[in-house]
Structures are given as C-alpha cells and as structure tokens.
Amino acid sequence: MAKLEGKKVMVVEDDYLIALMLCQSFEEEGAEVLGPVGRVEAALALIAREPRIDGAVLDINLAGDMVFPVADALLARGVPFLFSTGYDADELPQLYREVPHYRKPVLPRSVCEALFA
C-alpha cells in the first residue's frame, strides 16, 4: 500500500510544471489530489467546499497575490501545510515563519515526507 493512501492533499501552485510534478508525486504515493489551484480565490473556494483536507502545499506568491488568506483558512481548520516558495523564512510575516517551507525548485518526495512524516 502506498504511504499516502487515503490522504487528501491540496496543491496551491500557479506554476504549471511545478504543480504537475507535485500532483504526480502525491498520486504515485496514493493520495487524492485536490487541485491544483493557482489563485487565492479558487483555493479558498476549494477549502470551503471540501469537508476533508489532510495536508496542503502552498506557493506563497500566486500571480502577484499572497497566499496568506489560504494559510489562515487552513490554520483555522487545523490542516497541516507547508510553503513551496522562493522566499526565505525571514521574508514571511511572523505568524508564518515557523511553517515548514521548501525553496523552489522543490523535490516532490521531500514535500510528501514533510507533510506526513
């Protein structure tokens, strides 16, 4: 059985190739992928309609919009997430500096392991 069998993982990423790599990696590990979505509004709508999300990967900058409203919605629901970004932790608002983050380009397997270790 795959490690992520039965897990629902949300991918919020506006770069098509990175989103594709992440989605494929999660699916290969047995997860059901929610998304990918590349806009804050679309991510918030997905969170609102999806009763269960087990984890999420968030790009910080989505076509010029910051992903923090999505991070807030996930925090409110107790959903673990990490950032996949070009930003350093010290560039983030204080609230998010302790959230795990991976510098792009990310290694999908590392992201899988970090979310569900």
PDB file of N, CA and C in Angstrom:
ATOM      1  N   MET A   1       0.842  -1.180   0.000  1.00  0.00           N
ATOM      2  CA  MET A   1       0.000   0.000   0.000  1.00  0.00           C
ATOM      3  C   MET A   1       0.889   1.245   0.000  1.00  0.00           C
ATOM      4  N   ALA A   2       0.511   2.256  -0.779  1.00  0.00           N
ATOM      5  CA  ALA A   2       1.266   3.500  -0.856  1.00  0.00           C
ATOM      6  C   ALA A   2       1.169   4.261   0.467  1.00  0.00           C
ATOM      7  N   LYS A   3       2.212   5.034   0.775  1.00  0.00           N
ATOM      8  CA  LYS A   3       2.281   5.751   2.047  1.00  0.00           C
ATOM      9  C   LYS A   3       1.152   6.729   2.289  1.00  0.00           C
ATOM     10  N   LEU A   4       0.660   7.341   1.240  1.00  0.00           N
ATOM     11  CA  LEU A   4      -0.354   8.383   1.393  1.00  0.00           C
ATOM     12  C   LEU A   4      -1.749   7.897   1.019  1.00  0.00           C
ATOM     13  N   GLU A   5      -1.919   6.593   0.956  1.00  0.00           N
ATOM     14  CA  GLU A   5      -3.220   6.015   0.596  1.00  0.00           C
ATOM     15  C   GLU A   5      -4.313   6.599   1.494  1.00  0.00           C
ATOM     16  N   GLY A   6      -5.351   7.123   0.852  1.00  0.00           N
ATOM     17  CA  GLY A   6      -6.483   7.671   1.589  1.00  0.00           C
ATOM     18  C   GLY A   6      -6.332   9.116   2.019  1.00  0.00           C
ATOM     19  N   LYS A   7      -5.159   9.718   1.823  1.00  0.00           N
ATOM     20  CA  LYS A   7      -4.946  11.121   2.195  1.00  0.00           C
ATOM     21  C   LYS A   7      -5.432  12.038   1.081  1.00  0.00           C
ATOM     22  N   LYS A   8      -6.008  13.172   1.481  1.00  0.00           N
ATOM     23  CA  LYS A   8      -6.414  14.209   0.530  1.00  0.00           C
ATOM     24  C   LYS A   8      -5.453  15.381   0.684  1.00  0.00           C
ATOM     25  N   VAL A   9      -4.730  15.678  -0.394  1.00  0.00           N
ATOM     26  CA  VAL A   9      -3.699  16.704  -0.364  1.00  0.00           C
ATOM     27  C   VAL A   9      -4.058  17.818  -1.342  1.00  0.00           C
ATOM     28  N   MET A  10      -4.076  19.036  -0.835  1.00  0.00           N
ATOM     29  CA  MET A  10      -4.389  20.211  -1.646  1.00  0.00           C
ATOM     30  C   MET A  10      -3.090  20.816  -2.180  1.00  0.00           C
ATOM     31  N   VAL A  11      -3.068  21.104  -3.477  1.00  0.00           N
ATOM     32  CA  VAL A  11      -1.906  21.730  -4.108  1.00  0.00           C
ATOM     33  C   VAL A  11      -2.324  23.109  -4.607  1.00  0.00           C
ATOM     34  N   VAL A  12      -1.662  24.142  -4.069  1.00  0.00           N
ATOM     35  CA  VAL A  12      -1.927  25.531  -4.455  1.00  0.00           C
ATOM     36  C   VAL A  12      -0.637  26.068  -5.060  1.00  0.00           C
ATOM     37  N   GLU A  13      -0.602  26.139  -6.376  1.00  0.00           N
ATOM     38  CA  GLU A  13       0.620  26.478  -7.115  1.00  0.00           C
ATOM     39  C   GLU A  13       0.223  27.058  -8.460  1.00  0.00           C
ATOM     40  N   ASP A  14       0.808  28.203  -8.831  1.00  0.00           N
ATOM     41  CA  ASP A  14       0.457  28.819 -10.111  1.00  0.00           C
ATOM     42  C   ASP A  14       1.417  28.468 -11.242  1.00  0.00           C
ATOM     43  N   ASP A  15       2.510  27.798 -10.948  1.00  0.00           N
ATOM     44  CA  ASP A  15       3.430  27.349 -11.993  1.00  0.00           C
ATOM     45  C   ASP A  15       2.996  25.952 -12.440  1.00  0.00           C
ATOM     46  N   TYR A  16       2.602  25.836 -13.691  1.00  0.00           N
ATOM     47  CA  TYR A  16       2.023  24.592 -14.196  1.00  0.00           C
ATOM     48  C   TYR A  16       2.944  23.388 -14.001  1.00  0.00           C
ATOM     49  N   LEU A  17       4.216  23.542 -14.341  1.00  0.00           N
ATOM     50  CA  LEU A  17       5.131  22.397 -14.265  1.00  0.00           C
ATOM     51  C   LEU A  17       5.371  21.949 -12.825  1.00  0.00           C
ATOM     52  N   ILE A  18       5.519  22.908 -11.924  1.00  0.00           N
ATOM     53  CA  ILE A  18       5.704  22.548 -10.513  1.00  0.00           C
ATOM     54  C   ILE A  18       4.447  21.878  -9.980  1.00  0.00           C
ATOM     55  N   ALA A  19       3.284  22.438 -10.318  1.00  0.00           N
ATOM     56  CA  ALA A  19       2.013  21.844  -9.877  1.00  0.00           C
ATOM     57  C   ALA A  19       1.881  20.416 -10.400  1.00  0.00           C
ATOM     58  N   LEU A  20       2.218  20.208 -11.656  1.00  0.00           N
ATOM     59  CA  LEU A  20       2.135  18.880 -12.258  1.00  0.00           C
ATOM     60  C   LEU A  20       3.049  17.890 -11.537  1.00  0.00           C
ATOM     61  N   MET A  21       4.287  18.294 -11.252  1.00  0.00           N
ATOM     62  CA  MET A  21       5.228  17.417 -10.541  1.00  0.00           C
ATOM     63  C   MET A  21       4.701  17.048  -9.155  1.00  0.00           C
ATOM     64  N   LEU A  22       4.201  18.051  -8.434  1.00  0.00           N
ATOM     65  CA  LEU A  22       3.678  17.783  -7.092  1.00  0.00           C
ATOM     66  C   LEU A  22       2.486  16.842  -7.142  1.00  0.00           C
ATOM     67  N   CYS A  23       1.550  17.124  -8.048  1.00  0.00           N
ATOM     68  CA  CYS A  23       0.354  16.286  -8.155  1.00  0.00           C
ATOM     69  C   CYS A  23       0.719  14.847  -8.498  1.00  0.00           C
ATOM     70  N   GLN A  24       1.604  14.668  -9.460  1.00  0.00           N
ATOM     71  CA  GLN A  24       2.018  13.319  -9.845  1.00  0.00           C
ATOM     72  C   GLN A  24       2.688  12.592  -8.686  1.00  0.00           C
ATOM     73  N   SER A  25       3.522  13.302  -7.949  1.00  0.00           N
ATOM     74  CA  SER A  25       4.221  12.686  -6.826  1.00  0.00           C
ATOM     75  C   SER A  25       3.239  12.240  -5.750  1.00  0.00           C
ATOM     76  N   PHE A  26       2.279  13.087  -5.413  1.00  0.00           N
ATOM     77  CA  PHE A  26       1.280  12.709  -4.416  1.00  0.00           C
ATOM     78  C   PHE A  26       0.435  11.535  -4.897  1.00  0.00           C
ATOM     79  N   GLU A  27       0.035  11.561  -6.164  1.00  0.00           N
ATOM     80  CA  GLU A  27      -0.773  10.464  -6.707  1.00  0.00           C
ATOM     81  C   GLU A  27       0.004   9.150  -6.713  1.00  0.00           C
ATOM     82  N   GLU A  28       1.291   9.205  -7.044  1.00  0.00           N
ATOM     83  CA  GLU A  28       2.122   7.995  -7.029  1.00  0.00           C
ATOM     84  C   GLU A  28       2.214   7.393  -5.633  1.00  0.00           C
ATOM     85  N   GLU A  29       2.096   8.236  -4.615  1.00  0.00           N
ATOM     86  CA  GLU A  29       2.138   7.768  -3.227  1.00  0.00           C
ATOM     87  C   GLU A  29       0.753   7.384  -2.711  1.00  0.00           C
ATOM     88  N   GLY A  30      -0.263   7.457  -3.588  1.00  0.00           N
ATOM     89  CA  GLY A  30      -1.595   7.007  -3.218  1.00  0.00           C
ATOM     90  C   GLY A  30      -2.559   8.071  -2.749  1.00  0.00           C
ATOM     91  N   ALA A  31      -2.144   9.330  -2.747  1.00  0.00           N
ATOM     92  CA  ALA A  31      -3.016  10.407  -2.274  1.00  0.00           C
ATOM     93  C   ALA A  31      -4.033  10.805  -3.333  1.00  0.00           C
ATOM     94  N   GLU A  32      -5.139  11.353  -2.863  1.00  0.00           N
ATOM     95  CA  GLU A  32      -6.096  12.025  -3.739  1.00  0.00           C
ATOM     96  C   GLU A  32      -5.707  13.497  -3.742  1.00  0.00           C
ATOM     97  N   VAL A  33      -5.444  14.054  -4.918  1.00  0.00           N
ATOM     98  CA  VAL A  33      -5.010  15.444  -5.023  1.00  0.00           C
ATOM     99  C   VAL A  33      -6.221  16.348  -5.206  1.00  0.00           C
ATOM    100  N   LEU A  34      -6.266  17.391  -4.401  1.00  0.00           N
ATOM    101  CA  LEU A  34      -7.277  18.435  -4.531  1.00  0.00           C
ATOM    102  C   LEU A  34      -6.594  19.599  -5.228  1.00  0.00           C
ATOM    103  N   GLY A  35      -7.023  19.894  -6.450  1.00  0.00           N
ATOM    104  CA  GLY A  35      -6.363  20.920  -7.245  1.00  0.00           C
ATOM    105  C   GLY A  35      -5.621  20.254  -8.388  1.00  0.00           C
ATOM    106  N   PRO A  36      -4.630  20.932  -8.906  1.00  0.00           N
ATOM    107  CA  PRO A  36      -4.037  22.142  -8.364  1.00  0.00           C
ATOM    108  C   PRO A  36      -4.882  23.378  -8.645  1.00  0.00           C
ATOM    109  N   VAL A  37      -4.731  24.356  -7.769  1.00  0.00           N
ATOM    110  CA  VAL A  37      -5.353  25.658  -7.977  1.00  0.00           C
ATOM    111  C   VAL A  37      -4.250  26.703  -7.951  1.00  0.00           C
ATOM    112  N   GLY A  38      -4.399  27.726  -8.773  1.00  0.00           N
ATOM    113  CA  GLY A  38      -3.360  28.735  -8.914  1.00  0.00           C
ATOM    114  C   GLY A  38      -3.761  30.127  -8.505  1.00  0.00           C
ATOM    115  N   ARG A  39      -4.908  30.255  -7.860  1.00  0.00           N
ATOM    116  CA  ARG A  39      -5.399  31.570  -7.419  1.00  0.00           C
ATOM    117  C   ARG A  39      -5.917  31.469  -5.988  1.00  0.00           C
ATOM    118  N   VAL A  40      -5.753  32.543  -5.244  1.00  0.00           N
ATOM    119  CA  VAL A  40      -6.210  32.580  -3.854  1.00  0.00           C
ATOM    120  C   VAL A  40      -7.702  32.300  -3.769  1.00  0.00           C
ATOM    121  N   GLU A  41      -8.496  32.959  -4.613  1.00  0.00           N
ATOM    122  CA  GLU A  41      -9.952  32.791  -4.566  1.00  0.00           C
ATOM    123  C   GLU A  41     -10.353  31.345  -4.827  1.00  0.00           C
ATOM    124  N   ALA A  42      -9.710  30.712  -5.787  1.00  0.00           N
ATOM    125  CA  ALA A  42     -10.022  29.314  -6.108  1.00  0.00           C
ATOM    126  C   ALA A  42      -9.639  28.395  -4.951  1.00  0.00           C
ATOM    127  N   ALA A  43      -8.528  28.684  -4.294  1.00  0.00           N
ATOM    128  CA  ALA A  43      -8.104  27.870  -3.153  1.00  0.00           C
ATOM    129  C   ALA A  43      -9.082  28.016  -1.990  1.00  0.00           C
ATOM    130  N   LEU A  44      -9.526  29.238  -1.719  1.00  0.00           N
ATOM    131  CA  LEU A  44     -10.491  29.459  -0.638  1.00  0.00           C
ATOM    132  C   LEU A  44     -11.816  28.765  -0.941  1.00  0.00           C
ATOM    133  N   ALA A  45     -12.235  28.795  -2.200  1.00  0.00           N
ATOM    134  CA  ALA A  45     -13.476  28.111  -2.593  1.00  0.00           C
ATOM    135  C   ALA A  45     -13.335  26.602  -2.406  1.00  0.00           C
ATOM    136  N   LEU A  46     -12.190  26.058  -2.751  1.00  0.00           N
ATOM    137  CA  LEU A  46     -11.947  24.622  -2.579  1.00  0.00           C
ATOM    138  C   LEU A  46     -11.976  24.238  -1.096  1.00  0.00           C
ATOM    139  N   ILE A  47     -11.358  25.048  -0.268  1.00  0.00           N
ATOM    140  CA  ILE A  47     -11.371  24.788   1.178  1.00  0.00           C
ATOM    141  C   ILE A  47     -12.804  24.819   1.707  1.00  0.00           C
ATOM    142  N   ALA A  48     -13.591  25.772   1.239  1.00  0.00           N
ATOM    143  CA  ALA A  48     -14.967  25.923   1.718  1.00  0.00           C
ATOM    144  C   ALA A  48     -15.846  24.732   1.343  1.00  0.00           C
ATOM    145  N   ARG A  49     -15.598  24.146   0.184  1.00  0.00           N
ATOM    146  CA  ARG A  49     -16.485  23.062  -0.262  1.00  0.00           C
ATOM    147  C   ARG A  49     -15.971  21.664   0.060  1.00  0.00           C
ATOM    148  N   GLU A  50     -14.712  21.558   0.442  1.00  0.00           N
ATOM    149  CA  GLU A  50     -14.124  20.238   0.696  1.00  0.00           C
ATOM    150  C   GLU A  50     -14.189  19.928   2.191  1.00  0.00           C
ATOM    151  N   PRO A  51     -14.945  18.903   2.577  1.00  0.00           N
ATOM    152  CA  PRO A  51     -15.087  18.618   4.003  1.00  0.00           C
ATOM    153  C   PRO A  51     -13.814  18.097   4.673  1.00  0.00           C
ATOM    154  N   ARG A  52     -12.927  17.480   3.905  1.00  0.00           N
ATOM    155  CA  ARG A  52     -11.711  16.920   4.493  1.00  0.00           C
ATOM    156  C   ARG A  52     -10.502  17.249   3.634  1.00  0.00           C
ATOM    157  N   ILE A  53      -9.514  17.831   4.265  1.00  0.00           N
ATOM    158  CA  ILE A  53      -8.211  18.074   3.644  1.00  0.00           C
ATOM    159  C   ILE A  53      -7.178  17.610   4.668  1.00  0.00           C
ATOM    160  N   ASP A  54      -6.308  16.700   4.262  1.00  0.00           N
ATOM    161  CA  ASP A  54      -5.329  16.141   5.196  1.00  0.00           C
ATOM    162  C   ASP A  54      -4.007  16.892   5.213  1.00  0.00           C
ATOM    163  N   GLY A  55      -3.731  17.652   4.177  1.00  0.00           N
ATOM    164  CA  GLY A  55      -2.491  18.412   4.100  1.00  0.00           C
ATOM    165  C   GLY A  55      -2.508  19.274   2.859  1.00  0.00           C
ATOM    166  N   ALA A  56      -1.612  20.264   2.818  1.00  0.00           N
ATOM    167  CA  ALA A  56      -1.580  21.172   1.669  1.00  0.00           C
ATOM    168  C   ALA A  56      -0.166  21.681   1.428  1.00  0.00           C
ATOM    169  N   VAL A  57       0.101  21.967   0.159  1.00  0.00           N
ATOM    170  CA  VAL A  57       1.340  22.603  -0.267  1.00  0.00           C
ATOM    171  C   VAL A  57       0.946  23.927  -0.893  1.00  0.00           C
ATOM    172  N   LEU A  58       1.527  25.025  -0.385  1.00  0.00           N
ATOM    173  CA  LEU A  58       1.154  26.355  -0.843  1.00  0.00           C
ATOM    174  C   LEU A  58       2.355  27.095  -1.418  1.00  0.00           C
ATOM    175  N   ASP A  59       2.200  27.598  -2.631  1.00  0.00           N
ATOM    176  CA  ASP A  59       3.127  28.578  -3.177  1.00  0.00           C
ATOM    177  C   ASP A  59       2.740  29.908  -2.530  1.00  0.00           C
ATOM    178  N   ILE A  60       3.688  30.723  -2.144  1.00  0.00           N
ATOM    179  CA  ILE A  60       3.360  31.969  -1.440  1.00  0.00           C
ATOM    180  C   ILE A  60       2.837  33.040  -2.382  1.00  0.00           C
ATOM    181  N   ASN A  61       3.455  33.186  -3.542  1.00  0.00           N
ATOM    182  CA  ASN A  61       3.047  34.235  -4.476  1.00  0.00           C
ATOM    183  C   ASN A  61       2.295  33.598  -5.637  1.00  0.00           C
ATOM    184  N   LEU A  62       0.998  33.864  -5.700  1.00  0.00           N
ATOM    185  CA  LEU A  62       0.144  33.310  -6.756  1.00  0.00           C
ATOM    186  C   LEU A  62      -0.240  34.420  -7.718  1.00  0.00           C
ATOM    187  N   ALA A  63       0.519  34.558  -8.780  1.00  0.00           N
ATOM    188  CA  ALA A  63       0.252  35.574  -9.800  1.00  0.00           C
ATOM    189  C   ALA A  63       0.126  36.958  -9.174  1.00  0.00           C
ATOM    190  N   GLY A  64       0.997  37.254  -8.211  1.00  0.00           N
ATOM    191  CA  GLY A  64       1.013  38.563  -7.575  1.00  0.00           C
ATOM    192  C   GLY A  64       0.203  38.669  -6.295  1.00  0.00           C
ATOM    193  N   ASP A  65      -0.628  37.689  -6.000  1.00  0.00           N
ATOM    194  CA  ASP A  65      -1.403  37.681  -4.754  1.00  0.00           C
ATOM    195  C   ASP A  65      -0.719  36.768  -3.744  1.00  0.00           C
ATOM    196  N   MET A  66      -0.650  37.233  -2.513  1.00  0.00           N
ATOM    197  CA  MET A  66      -0.041  36.428  -1.458  1.00  0.00           C
ATOM    198  C   MET A  66      -1.043  35.398  -0.949  1.00  0.00           C
ATOM    199  N   VAL A  67      -0.563  34.209  -0.636  1.00  0.00           N
ATOM    200  CA  VAL A  67      -1.396  33.055  -0.293  1.00  0.00           C
ATOM    201  C   VAL A  67      -1.853  33.053   1.175  1.00  0.00           C
ATOM    202  N   PHE A  68      -1.518  34.064   1.929  1.00  0.00           N
ATOM    203  CA  PHE A  68      -1.775  34.033   3.368  1.00  0.00           C
ATOM    204  C   PHE A  68      -3.238  33.863   3.769  1.00  0.00           C
ATOM    205  N   PRO A  69      -4.230  34.377   3.027  1.00  0.00           N
ATOM    206  CA  PRO A  69      -5.624  34.065   3.392  1.00  0.00           C
ATOM    207  C   PRO A  69      -5.911  32.557   3.324  1.00  0.00           C
ATOM    208  N   VAL A  70      -5.271  31.871   2.400  1.00  0.00           N
ATOM    209  CA  VAL A  70      -5.424  30.414   2.288  1.00  0.00           C
ATOM    210  C   VAL A  70      -4.765  29.741   3.494  1.00  0.00           C
ATOM    211  N   ALA A  71      -3.574  30.194   3.850  1.00  0.00           N
ATOM    212  CA  ALA A  71      -2.888  29.652   5.028  1.00  0.00           C
ATOM    213  C   ALA A  71      -3.740  29.858   6.277  1.00  0.00           C
ATOM    214  N   ASP A  72      -4.357  31.030   6.405  1.00  0.00           N
ATOM    215  CA  ASP A  72      -5.217  31.309   7.560  1.00  0.00           C
ATOM    216  C   ASP A  72      -6.404  30.353   7.615  1.00  0.00           C
ATOM    217  N   ALA A  73      -7.019  30.104   6.460  1.00  0.00           N
ATOM    218  CA  ALA A  73      -8.173  29.191   6.405  1.00  0.00           C
ATOM    219  C   ALA A  73      -7.760  27.773   6.792  1.00  0.00           C
ATOM    220  N   LEU A  74      -6.584  27.347   6.352  1.00  0.00           N
ATOM    221  CA  LEU A  74      -6.094  26.012   6.711  1.00  0.00           C
ATOM    222  C   LEU A  74      -5.752  25.934   8.201  1.00  0.00           C
ATOM    223  N   LEU A  75      -5.125  26.978   8.727  1.00  0.00           N
ATOM    224  CA  LEU A  75      -4.825  27.015  10.163  1.00  0.00           C
ATOM    225  C   LEU A  75      -6.106  26.921  10.986  1.00  0.00           C
ATOM    226  N   ALA A  76      -7.144  27.639  10.558  1.00  0.00           N
ATOM    227  CA  ALA A  76      -8.419  27.633  11.281  1.00  0.00           C
ATOM    228  C   ALA A  76      -9.036  26.237  11.323  1.00  0.00           C
ATOM    229  N   ARG A  77      -8.765  25.441  10.301  1.00  0.00           N
ATOM    230  CA  ARG A  77      -9.300  24.071  10.247  1.00  0.00           C
ATOM    231  C   ARG A  77      -8.336  23.030  10.809  1.00  0.00           C
ATOM    232  N   GLY A  78      -7.160  23.461  11.196  1.00  0.00           N
ATOM    233  CA  GLY A  78      -6.181  22.525  11.743  1.00  0.00           C
ATOM    234  C   GLY A  78      -5.521  21.649  10.699  1.00  0.00           C
ATOM    235  N   VAL A  79      -5.474  22.125   9.454  1.00  0.00           N
ATOM    236  CA  VAL A  79      -4.878  21.357   8.357  1.00  0.00           C
ATOM    237  C   VAL A  79      -3.376  21.655   8.282  1.00  0.00           C
ATOM    238  N   PRO A  80      -2.522  20.632   8.346  1.00  0.00           N
ATOM    239  CA  PRO A  80      -1.084  20.877   8.198  1.00  0.00           C
ATOM    240  C   PRO A  80      -0.756  21.294   6.767  1.00  0.00           C
ATOM    241  N   PHE A  81       0.178  22.226   6.655  1.00  0.00           N
ATOM    242  CA  PHE A  81       0.593  22.672   5.322  1.00  0.00           C
ATOM    243  C   PHE A  81       2.041  23.107   5.379  1.00  0.00           C
ATOM    244  N   LEU A  82       2.610  23.264   4.194  1.00  0.00           N
ATOM    245  CA  LEU A  82       3.946  23.826   4.077  1.00  0.00           C
ATOM    246  C   LEU A  82       3.976  24.743   2.875  1.00  0.00           C
ATOM    247  N   PHE A  83       4.985  25.595   2.859  1.00  0.00           N
ATOM    248  CA  PHE A  83       5.168  26.516   1.746  1.00  0.00           C
ATOM    249  C   PHE A  83       6.210  25.959   0.784  1.00  0.00           C
ATOM    250  N   SER A  84       5.926  26.081  -0.490  1.00  0.00           N
ATOM    251  CA  SER A  84       6.864  25.789  -1.564  1.00  0.00           C
ATOM    252  C   SER A  84       7.120  27.139  -2.219  1.00  0.00           C
ATOM    253  N   THR A  85       8.317  27.698  -2.048  1.00  0.00           N
ATOM    254  CA  THR A  85       8.481  29.108  -2.365  1.00  0.00           C
ATOM    255  C   THR A  85       9.907  29.481  -2.732  1.00  0.00           C
ATOM    256  N   GLY A  86      10.039  30.664  -3.253  1.00  0.00           N
ATOM    257  CA  GLY A  86      11.342  31.258  -3.476  1.00  0.00           C
ATOM    258  C   GLY A  86      11.717  32.208  -2.353  1.00  0.00           C
ATOM    259  N   TYR A  87      10.800  32.424  -1.414  1.00  0.00           N
ATOM    260  CA  TYR A  87      11.031  33.337  -0.297  1.00  0.00           C
ATOM    261  C   TYR A  87      11.797  32.645   0.831  1.00  0.00           C
ATOM    262  N   ASP A  88      12.615  33.424   1.534  1.00  0.00           N
ATOM    263  CA  ASP A  88      13.258  32.940   2.754  1.00  0.00           C
ATOM    264  C   ASP A  88      12.286  33.115   3.912  1.00  0.00           C
ATOM    265  N   ALA A  89      12.450  32.322   4.959  1.00  0.00           N
ATOM    266  CA  ALA A  89      11.552  32.391   6.118  1.00  0.00           C
ATOM    267  C   ALA A  89      11.527  33.787   6.727  1.00  0.00           C
ATOM    268  N   ASP A  90      12.672  34.485   6.754  1.00  0.00           N
ATOM    269  CA  ASP A  90      12.691  35.812   7.374  1.00  0.00           C
ATOM    270  C   ASP A  90      11.973  36.868   6.540  1.00  0.00           C
ATOM    271  N   GLU A  91      11.577  36.545   5.320  1.00  0.00           N
ATOM    272  CA  GLU A  91      10.789  37.455   4.489  1.00  0.00           C
ATOM    273  C   GLU A  91       9.289  37.295   4.726  1.00  0.00           C
ATOM    274  N   LEU A  92       8.908  36.284   5.485  1.00  0.00           N
ATOM    275  CA  LEU A  92       7.497  35.994   5.729  1.00  0.00           C
ATOM    276  C   LEU A  92       7.000  36.762   6.945  1.00  0.00           C
ATOM    277  N   PRO A  93       5.677  37.028   7.006  1.00  0.00           N
ATOM    278  CA  PRO A  93       5.123  37.593   8.233  1.00  0.00           C
ATOM    279  C   PRO A  93       5.436  36.670   9.409  1.00  0.00           C
ATOM    280  N   GLN A  94       5.592  37.246  10.575  1.00  0.00           N
ATOM    281  CA  GLN A  94       5.994  36.498  11.774  1.00  0.00           C
ATOM    282  C   GLN A  94       5.154  35.244  11.994  1.00  0.00           C
ATOM    283  N   LEU A  95       3.843  35.340  11.786  1.00  0.00           N
ATOM    284  CA  LEU A  95       2.927  34.224  12.015  1.00  0.00           C
ATOM    285  C   LEU A  95       3.329  32.964  11.251  1.00  0.00           C
ATOM    286  N   TYR A  96       3.948  33.137  10.087  1.00  0.00           N
ATOM    287  CA  TYR A  96       4.231  32.006   9.200  1.00  0.00           C
ATOM    288  C   TYR A  96       5.691  31.567   9.195  1.00  0.00           C
ATOM    289  N   ARG A  97       6.523  32.184   9.990  1.00  0.00           N
ATOM    290  CA  ARG A  97       7.956  31.870   9.935  1.00  0.00           C
ATOM    291  C   ARG A  97       8.288  30.472  10.419  1.00  0.00           C
ATOM    292  N   GLU A  98       7.434  29.890  11.241  1.00  0.00           N
ATOM    293  CA  GLU A  98       7.684  28.544  11.748  1.00  0.00           C
ATOM    294  C   GLU A  98       7.054  27.456  10.873  1.00  0.00           C
ATOM    295  N   VAL A  99       6.266  27.872   9.882  1.00  0.00           N
ATOM    296  CA  VAL A  99       5.661  26.901   8.962  1.00  0.00           C
ATOM    297  C   VAL A  99       6.784  26.313   8.104  1.00  0.00           C
ATOM    298  N   PRO A 100       6.839  24.995   7.960  1.00  0.00           N
ATOM    299  CA  PRO A 100       7.876  24.414   7.098  1.00  0.00           C
ATOM    300  C   PRO A 100       7.794  25.002   5.689  1.00  0.00           C
ATOM    301  N   HIS A 101       8.951  25.292   5.137  1.00  0.00           N
ATOM    302  CA  HIS A 101       8.953  25.773   3.758  1.00  0.00           C
ATOM    303  C   HIS A 101      10.146  25.201   3.010  1.00  0.00           C
ATOM    304  N   TYR A 102       9.896  24.982   1.729  1.00  0.00           N
ATOM    305  CA  TYR A 102      10.895  24.420   0.835  1.00  0.00           C
ATOM    306  C   TYR A 102      11.145  25.410  -0.279  1.00  0.00           C
ATOM    307  N   ARG A 103      12.414  25.672  -0.531  1.00  0.00           N
ATOM    308  CA  ARG A 103      12.786  26.587  -1.609  1.00  0.00           C
ATOM    309  C   ARG A 103      12.589  25.894  -2.946  1.00  0.00           C
ATOM    310  N   LYS A 104      12.060  26.659  -3.890  1.00  0.00           N
ATOM    311  CA  LYS A 104      11.897  26.132  -5.242  1.00  0.00           C
ATOM    312  C   LYS A 104      13.263  26.045  -5.900  1.00  0.00           C
ATOM    313  N   PRO A 105      13.492  25.091  -6.736  1.00  0.00           N
ATOM    314  CA  PRO A 105      12.575  24.011  -7.104  1.00  0.00           C
ATOM    315  C   PRO A 105      12.518  22.958  -5.996  1.00  0.00           C
ATOM    316  N   VAL A 106      11.335  22.508  -5.712  1.00  0.00           N
ATOM    317  CA  VAL A 106      11.138  21.533  -4.642  1.00  0.00           C
ATOM    318  C   VAL A 106      11.334  20.119  -5.166  1.00  0.00           C
ATOM    319  N   LEU A 107      11.671  19.235  -4.258  1.00  0.00           N
ATOM    320  CA  LEU A 107      11.711  17.810  -4.569  1.00  0.00           C
ATOM    321  C   LEU A 107      10.401  17.223  -4.060  1.00  0.00           C
ATOM    322  N   PRO A 108       9.522  16.800  -4.952  1.00  0.00           N
ATOM    323  CA  PRO A 108       8.202  16.332  -4.530  1.00  0.00           C
ATOM    324  C   PRO A 108       8.232  15.286  -3.425  1.00  0.00           C
ATOM    325  N   ARG A 109       9.162  14.354  -3.459  1.00  0.00           N
ATOM    326  CA  ARG A 109       9.212  13.322  -2.424  1.00  0.00           C
ATOM    327  C   ARG A 109       9.507  13.942  -1.055  1.00  0.00           C
ATOM    328  N   SER A 110      10.369  14.950  -1.023  1.00  0.00           N
ATOM    329  CA  SER A 110      10.664  15.629   0.242  1.00  0.00           C
ATOM    330  C   SER A 110       9.424  16.304   0.802  1.00  0.00           C
ATOM    331  N   VAL A 111       8.628  16.884  -0.078  1.00  0.00           N
ATOM    332  CA  VAL A 111       7.396  17.544   0.347  1.00  0.00           C
ATOM    333  C   VAL A 111       6.430  16.511   0.914  1.00  0.00           C
ATOM    334  N   CYS A 112       6.296  15.387   0.247  1.00  0.00           N
ATOM    335  CA  CYS A 112       5.426  14.305   0.735  1.00  0.00           C
ATOM    336  C   CYS A 112       5.844  13.881   2.136  1.00  0.00           C
ATOM    337  N   GLU A 113       7.132  13.673   2.316  1.00  0.00           N
ATOM    338  CA  GLU A 113       7.640  13.217   3.607  1.00  0.00           C
ATOM    339  C   GLU A 113       7.446  14.268   4.688  1.00  0.00           C
ATOM    340  N   ALA A 114       7.639  15.540   4.346  1.00  0.00           N
ATOM    341  CA  ALA A 114       7.499  16.608   5.334  1.00  0.00           C
ATOM    342  C   ALA A 114       6.061  16.762   5.804  1.00  0.00           C
ATOM    343  N   LEU A 115       5.122  16.613   4.909  1.00  0.00           N
ATOM    344  CA  LEU A 115       3.711  16.773   5.275  1.00  0.00           C
ATOM    345  C   LEU A 115       3.208  15.644   6.150  1.00  0.00           C
ATOM    346  N   PHE A 116       3.655  14.428   5.876  1.00  0.00           N
ATOM    347  CA  PHE A 116       3.071  13.261   6.536  1.00  0.00           C
ATOM    348  C   PHE A 116       4.102  12.383   7.236  1.00  0.00           C
ATOM    349  N   ALA A 117       5.164  12.994   7.744  1.00  0.00           N
ATOM    350  CA  ALA A 117       6.203  12.224   8.447  1.00  0.00           C
ATOM    351  C   ALA A 117       5.713  11.769   9.810  1.00  0.00           C
TER     352      ALA A 117
END
